[in-house]
C-alpha atoms as a PDB file:
ATOM      1  CA  UNK A   1     -17.669  17.236  11.377  1.00  0.00           C
ATOM      2  CA  UNK A   2     -14.197  17.515  12.905  1.00  0.00           C
ATOM      3  CA  UNK A   3     -15.098  14.946  15.578  1.00  0.00           C
ATOM      4  CA  UNK A   4     -16.270  12.492  12.913  1.00  0.00           C
ATOM      5  CA  UNK A   5     -12.959  12.733  11.002  1.00  0.00           C
ATOM      6  CA  UNK A   6     -10.961  12.325  14.232  1.00  0.00           C
ATOM      7  CA  UNK A   7     -13.084   9.296  15.200  1.00  0.00           C
ATOM      8  CA  UNK A   8     -12.592   7.688  11.766  1.00  0.00           C
ATOM      9  CA  UNK A   9      -8.847   8.281  12.022  1.00  0.00           C
ATOM     10  CA  UNK A  10      -8.557   6.792  15.531  1.00  0.00           C
ATOM     11  CA  UNK A  11     -10.860   3.858  14.655  1.00  0.00           C
ATOM     12  CA  UNK A  12      -8.813   3.023  11.551  1.00  0.00           C
ATOM     13  CA  UNK A  13      -5.625   2.780  13.594  1.00  0.00           C
ATOM     14  CA  UNK A  14      -7.374   0.766  16.309  1.00  0.00           C
ATOM     15  CA  UNK A  15      -8.827  -1.736  13.815  1.00  0.00           C
ATOM     16  CA  UNK A  16      -5.442  -2.021  12.110  1.00  0.00           C
ATOM     17  CA  UNK A  17      -3.732  -2.789  15.408  1.00  0.00           C
ATOM     18  CA  UNK A  18      -6.376  -5.326  16.421  1.00  0.00           C
ATOM     19  CA  UNK A  19      -5.706  -7.281  13.208  1.00  0.00           C
ATOM     20  CA  UNK A  20      -1.974  -6.659  12.735  1.00  0.00           C
ATOM     21  CA  UNK A  21      -0.927 -10.265  13.304  1.00  0.00           C
ATOM     22  CA  UNK A  22      -3.493 -11.781  10.932  1.00  0.00           C
ATOM     23  CA  UNK A  23      -2.285 -12.425   7.386  1.00  0.00           C
ATOM     24  CA  UNK A  24      -3.696 -13.268   3.985  1.00  0.00           C
ATOM     25  CA  UNK A  25      -1.357 -15.218   1.692  1.00  0.00           C
ATOM     26  CA  UNK A  26      -1.805 -13.636  -1.703  1.00  0.00           C
ATOM     27  CA  UNK A  27      -1.620 -15.799  -4.822  1.00  0.00           C
ATOM     28  CA  UNK A  28       1.369 -16.027  -7.125  1.00  0.00           C
ATOM     29  CA  UNK A  29       1.404 -13.826 -10.193  1.00  0.00           C
ATOM     30  CA  UNK A  30       2.742 -15.703 -13.192  1.00  0.00           C
ATOM     31  CA  UNK A  31       6.396 -16.584 -12.617  1.00  0.00           C
ATOM     32  CA  UNK A  32       6.575 -14.353  -9.555  1.00  0.00           C
ATOM     33  CA  UNK A  33       6.514 -16.930  -6.734  1.00  0.00           C
ATOM     34  CA  UNK A  34       4.422 -14.997  -4.243  1.00  0.00           C
ATOM     35  CA  UNK A  35       2.732 -11.643  -4.324  1.00  0.00           C
ATOM     36  CA  UNK A  36       3.234 -11.507  -0.591  1.00  0.00           C
ATOM     37  CA  UNK A  37       1.600 -11.892   2.761  1.00  0.00           C
ATOM     38  CA  UNK A  38      -0.849  -9.089   3.376  1.00  0.00           C
ATOM     39  CA  UNK A  39      -1.491  -8.023   6.948  1.00  0.00           C
ATOM     40  CA  UNK A  40      -5.237  -7.672   7.515  1.00  0.00           C
ATOM     41  CA  UNK A  41      -4.390  -4.546   9.510  1.00  0.00           C
ATOM     42  CA  UNK A  42      -3.146  -2.950   6.304  1.00  0.00           C
ATOM     43  CA  UNK A  43      -6.670  -2.896   4.938  1.00  0.00           C
ATOM     44  CA  UNK A  44      -7.633  -0.570   7.805  1.00  0.00           C
ATOM     45  CA  UNK A  45      -4.362   1.288   8.226  1.00  0.00           C
ATOM     46  CA  UNK A  46      -4.238   2.369   4.593  1.00  0.00           C
ATOM     47  CA  UNK A  47      -7.033   4.844   5.351  1.00  0.00           C
ATOM     48  CA  UNK A  48      -5.041   6.482   8.164  1.00  0.00           C
ATOM     49  CA  UNK A  49      -2.655   8.453   5.973  1.00  0.00           C
ATOM     50  CA  UNK A  50      -5.343  10.159   3.910  1.00  0.00           C
ATOM     51  CA  UNK A  51      -7.708  10.631   6.866  1.00  0.00           C
ATOM     52  CA  UNK A  52      -4.943  12.482   8.688  1.00  0.00           C
ATOM     53  CA  UNK A  53      -4.355  14.620   5.599  1.00  0.00           C
ATOM     54  CA  UNK A  54      -8.078  15.434   5.645  1.00  0.00           C
ATOM     55  CA  UNK A  55      -7.723  16.542   9.285  1.00  0.00           C
ATOM     56  CA  UNK A  56      -5.314  19.276   8.181  1.00  0.00           C
ATOM     57  CA  UNK A  57      -8.315  21.315   7.031  1.00  0.00           C
ATOM     58  CA  UNK A  58      -9.102  21.823  10.727  1.00  0.00           C
ATOM     59  CA  UNK A  59      -5.579  23.045  11.538  1.00  0.00           C
ATOM     60  CA  UNK A  60      -2.343  21.590  12.826  1.00  0.00           C
ATOM     61  CA  UNK A  61      -3.502  21.426  16.481  1.00  0.00           C
ATOM     62  CA  UNK A  62      -6.336  19.101  15.370  1.00  0.00           C
ATOM     63  CA  UNK A  63      -3.858  16.886  13.509  1.00  0.00           C
ATOM     64  CA  UNK A  64      -1.643  16.578  16.587  1.00  0.00           C
ATOM     65  CA  UNK A  65      -4.691  15.983  18.799  1.00  0.00           C
ATOM     66  CA  UNK A  66      -5.829  13.140  16.525  1.00  0.00           C
ATOM     67  CA  UNK A  67      -2.347  11.574  16.461  1.00  0.00           C
ATOM     68  CA  UNK A  68      -2.129  11.808  20.255  1.00  0.00           C
ATOM     69  CA  UNK A  69      -5.609  10.333  20.760  1.00  0.00           C
ATOM     70  CA  UNK A  70      -4.833   7.486  18.378  1.00  0.00           C
ATOM     71  CA  UNK A  71      -1.620   6.680  20.222  1.00  0.00           C
ATOM     72  CA  UNK A  72      -3.358   6.754  23.625  1.00  0.00           C
ATOM     73  CA  UNK A  73      -6.368   4.685  22.518  1.00  0.00           C
ATOM     74  CA  UNK A  74      -4.178   2.106  20.848  1.00  0.00           C
ATOM     75  CA  UNK A  75      -1.716   1.751  23.711  1.00  0.00           C
ATOM     76  CA  UNK A  76      -4.638   1.409  26.161  1.00  0.00           C
ATOM     77  CA  UNK A  77      -6.324  -1.218  23.954  1.00  0.00           C
ATOM     78  CA  UNK A  78      -3.056  -3.115  23.529  1.00  0.00           C
ATOM     79  CA  UNK A  79      -2.459  -3.207  27.280  1.00  0.00           C
ATOM     80  CA  UNK A  80      -6.064  -4.226  27.967  1.00  0.00           C
ATOM     81  CA  UNK A  81      -5.879  -7.004  25.358  1.00  0.00           C
ATOM     82  CA  UNK A  82      -2.421  -8.104  26.562  1.00  0.00           C
ATOM     83  CA  UNK A  83      -0.857  -7.460  23.165  1.00  0.00           C
ATOM     84  CA  UNK A  84       2.819  -8.488  23.031  1.00  0.00           C
ATOM     85  CA  UNK A  85       5.102  -5.553  23.810  1.00  0.00           C
ATOM     86  CA  UNK A  86       6.924  -5.831  20.475  1.00  0.00           C
ATOM     87  CA  UNK A  87       3.650  -4.984  18.681  1.00  0.00           C
ATOM     88  CA  UNK A  88       2.899  -2.069  21.011  1.00  0.00           C
ATOM     89  CA  UNK A  89       6.399  -0.633  20.590  1.00  0.00           C
ATOM     90  CA  UNK A  90       6.489  -1.246  16.827  1.00  0.00           C
ATOM     91  CA  UNK A  91       3.088   0.366  16.349  1.00  0.00           C
ATOM     92  CA  UNK A  92       3.904   3.362  18.539  1.00  0.00           C
ATOM     93  CA  UNK A  93       7.268   4.033  16.871  1.00  0.00           C
ATOM     94  CA  UNK A  94       6.015   3.470  13.311  1.00  0.00           C
ATOM     95  CA  UNK A  95       2.911   5.609  13.785  1.00  0.00           C
ATOM     96  CA  UNK A  96       4.784   8.421  15.514  1.00  0.00           C
ATOM     97  CA  UNK A  97       7.573   8.518  12.907  1.00  0.00           C
ATOM     98  CA  UNK A  98       5.369   8.168   9.825  1.00  0.00           C
ATOM     99  CA  UNK A  99       2.644  10.534  11.012  1.00  0.00           C
ATOM    100  CA  UNK A 100       5.100  13.253  11.987  1.00  0.00           C
ATOM    101  CA  UNK A 101       7.014  12.865   8.695  1.00  0.00           C
ATOM    102  CA  UNK A 102       3.748  12.960   6.767  1.00  0.00           C
ATOM    103  CA  UNK A 103       2.590  16.061   8.608  1.00  0.00           C
ATOM    104  CA  UNK A 104       5.908  17.852   8.007  1.00  0.00           C
ATOM    105  CA  UNK A 105       5.785  17.109   4.261  1.00  0.00           C
ATOM    106  CA  UNK A 106       2.094  18.049   4.035  1.00  0.00           C
ATOM    107  CA  UNK A 107       2.707  21.383   5.780  1.00  0.00           C
ATOM    108  CA  UNK A 108       5.591  22.260   3.439  1.00  0.00           C
ATOM    109  CA  UNK A 109       3.237  21.825   0.479  1.00  0.00           C
ATOM    110  CA  UNK A 110       0.425  24.068   1.742  1.00  0.00           C
ATOM    111  CA  UNK A 111       0.585  26.226  -1.399  1.00  0.00           C
ATOM    112  CA  UNK A 112      -0.263  23.173  -3.520  1.00  0.00           C
ATOM    113  CA  UNK A 113      -3.624  21.531  -4.193  1.00  0.00           C
ATOM    114  CA  UNK A 114      -4.948  19.191  -1.484  1.00  0.00           C
ATOM    115  CA  UNK A 115      -4.548  16.086  -3.663  1.00  0.00           C
ATOM    116  CA  UNK A 116      -0.893  16.935  -4.356  1.00  0.00           C
ATOM    117  CA  UNK A 117      -0.252  17.418  -0.633  1.00  0.00           C
ATOM    118  CA  UNK A 118      -1.984  14.165   0.285  1.00  0.00           C
ATOM    119  CA  UNK A 119      -0.333  12.000  -2.374  1.00  0.00           C
ATOM    120  CA  UNK A 120       3.137  13.466  -1.809  1.00  0.00           C
ATOM    121  CA  UNK A 121       3.018  13.169   1.973  1.00  0.00           C
ATOM    122  CA  UNK A 122       1.657   9.618   1.674  1.00  0.00           C
ATOM    123  CA  UNK A 123       4.555   8.735  -0.641  1.00  0.00           C
ATOM    124  CA  UNK A 124       6.836   9.388   2.344  1.00  0.00           C
ATOM    125  CA  UNK A 125       4.743   8.060   5.227  1.00  0.00           C
ATOM    126  CA  UNK A 126       3.440   4.812   3.704  1.00  0.00           C
ATOM    127  CA  UNK A 127       6.883   3.234   3.102  1.00  0.00           C
ATOM    128  CA  UNK A 128       8.257   4.625   6.370  1.00  0.00           C
ATOM    129  CA  UNK A 129       5.392   3.158   8.405  1.00  0.00           C
ATOM    130  CA  UNK A 130       5.402  -0.168   6.567  1.00  0.00           C
ATOM    131  CA  UNK A 131       9.128  -0.812   6.820  1.00  0.00           C
ATOM    132  CA  UNK A 132       9.483   0.379  10.426  1.00  0.00           C
ATOM    133  CA  UNK A 133       6.488  -1.553  11.706  1.00  0.00           C
ATOM    134  CA  UNK A 134       7.325  -4.801   9.910  1.00  0.00           C
ATOM    135  CA  UNK A 135      10.965  -4.831  10.984  1.00  0.00           C
ATOM    136  CA  UNK A 136      10.247  -3.839  14.588  1.00  0.00           C
ATOM    137  CA  UNK A 137       7.278  -6.190  15.044  1.00  0.00           C
ATOM    138  CA  UNK A 138       8.512  -9.284  13.236  1.00  0.00           C
ATOM    139  CA  UNK A 139      12.332  -9.265  13.249  1.00  0.00           C
ATOM    140  CA  UNK A 140      13.501 -12.494  14.848  1.00  0.00           C
ATOM    141  CA  UNK A 141       9.991 -13.966  14.689  1.00  0.00           C
ATOM    142  CA  UNK A 142       9.618 -14.255  10.917  1.00  0.00           C
ATOM    143  CA  UNK A 143      12.118 -15.002   8.190  1.00  0.00           C
ATOM    144  CA  UNK A 144      13.561 -12.249   6.022  1.00  0.00           C
ATOM    145  CA  UNK A 145      11.563 -13.645   3.090  1.00  0.00           C
ATOM    146  CA  UNK A 146       8.294 -13.433   5.056  1.00  0.00           C
ATOM    147  CA  UNK A 147       9.050  -9.867   6.147  1.00  0.00           C
ATOM    148  CA  UNK A 148       9.862  -8.862   2.560  1.00  0.00           C
ATOM    149  CA  UNK A 149       6.559 -10.372   1.408  1.00  0.00           C
ATOM    150  CA  UNK A 150       4.695  -8.419   4.082  1.00  0.00           C
ATOM    151  CA  UNK A 151       6.487  -5.183   3.213  1.00  0.00           C
ATOM    152  CA  UNK A 152       5.841  -5.653  -0.505  1.00  0.00           C
ATOM    153  CA  UNK A 153       2.151  -6.538  -0.191  1.00  0.00           C
ATOM    154  CA  UNK A 154       1.494  -3.899   2.469  1.00  0.00           C
ATOM    155  CA  UNK A 155       3.173  -1.182   0.390  1.00  0.00           C
ATOM    156  CA  UNK A 156       1.141  -2.054  -2.685  1.00  0.00           C
ATOM    157  CA  UNK A 157      -2.204  -2.211  -0.875  1.00  0.00           C
ATOM    158  CA  UNK A 158      -1.621   0.773   1.444  1.00  0.00           C
ATOM    159  CA  UNK A 159      -0.559   2.905  -1.498  1.00  0.00           C
ATOM    160  CA  UNK A 160      -3.529   1.906  -3.658  1.00  0.00           C
ATOM    161  CA  UNK A 161      -6.086   2.343  -0.865  1.00  0.00           C
ATOM    162  CA  UNK A 162      -4.609   5.625   0.425  1.00  0.00           C
ATOM    163  CA  UNK A 163      -4.351   7.074  -3.096  1.00  0.00           C
ATOM    164  CA  UNK A 164      -7.857   5.901  -3.999  1.00  0.00           C
ATOM    165  CA  UNK A 165      -9.325   7.500  -0.882  1.00  0.00           C
ATOM    166  CA  UNK A 166      -7.376  10.702  -1.567  1.00  0.00           C
ATOM    167  CA  UNK A 167      -8.827  10.924  -5.075  1.00  0.00           C
ATOM    168  CA  UNK A 168     -12.374  10.286  -3.795  1.00  0.00           C
ATOM    169  CA  UNK A 169     -11.999  12.928  -1.075  1.00  0.00           C
ATOM    170  CA  UNK A 170     -10.404  15.388  -3.511  1.00  0.00           C
ATOM    171  CA  UNK A 171     -13.442  15.105  -5.752  1.00  0.00           C
ATOM    172  CA  UNK A 172     -15.552  16.279  -2.819  1.00  0.00           C
ATOM    173  CA  UNK A 173     -13.294  19.135  -1.750  1.00  0.00           C
ATOM    174  CA  UNK A 174     -14.271  22.595  -2.888  1.00  0.00           C
ATOM    175  CA  UNK A 175     -11.459  24.557  -4.432  1.00  0.00           C
ATOM    176  CA  UNK A 176      -9.335  25.686  -1.522  1.00  0.00           C
ATOM    177  CA  UNK A 177      -7.646  29.055  -1.582  1.00  0.00           C
ATOM    178  CA  UNK A 178      -3.929  28.520  -2.142  1.00  0.00           C
ATOM    179  CA  UNK A 179      -1.475  29.805   0.402  1.00  0.00           C
ATOM    180  CA  UNK A 180       1.479  31.715  -0.943  1.00  0.00           C
ATOM    181  CA  UNK A 181       4.661  29.800  -0.206  1.00  0.00           C
ATOM    182  CA  UNK A 182       7.182  31.732   1.831  1.00  0.00           C
ATOM    183  CA  UNK A 183      10.808  31.155   1.034  1.00  0.00           C
END
């Protein structure tokens, strides 16, 4: 089962990176001029945060293994597909920073219920990943307005998808024994 969760995690990041420069212009909402430009990659990447939280049940070494495999697979795919360096660097930096921040927050909350750990850690990693990636990948290539639209739409969709998946997975998780917090 561990291999399946690792594979889903790595595949989600790979699919996100393969579609990171494809966008969907979302419709206006009332007087709000534009809901934003949604990166197609967001639809895949939103699963990453909660899948990684799921990997914690197999231990921290498994989490770091999955992060490392995802980075290696994605850098190899990007080089093979001749992906522009700015996307490779932006993806690597954003994934490394957000995944490590998420893991640190998740680990500090080990005495809490799984859903609390997942939602709280995602509340840190989703904005961190979204802002870092968008600024590093598109600064100087897109206007500030376009980048703000991407950040806004990506934050909304990543948060909704990651939270929805967390709730679905939490419904399937047997009551875990709580770990006493050490202070």
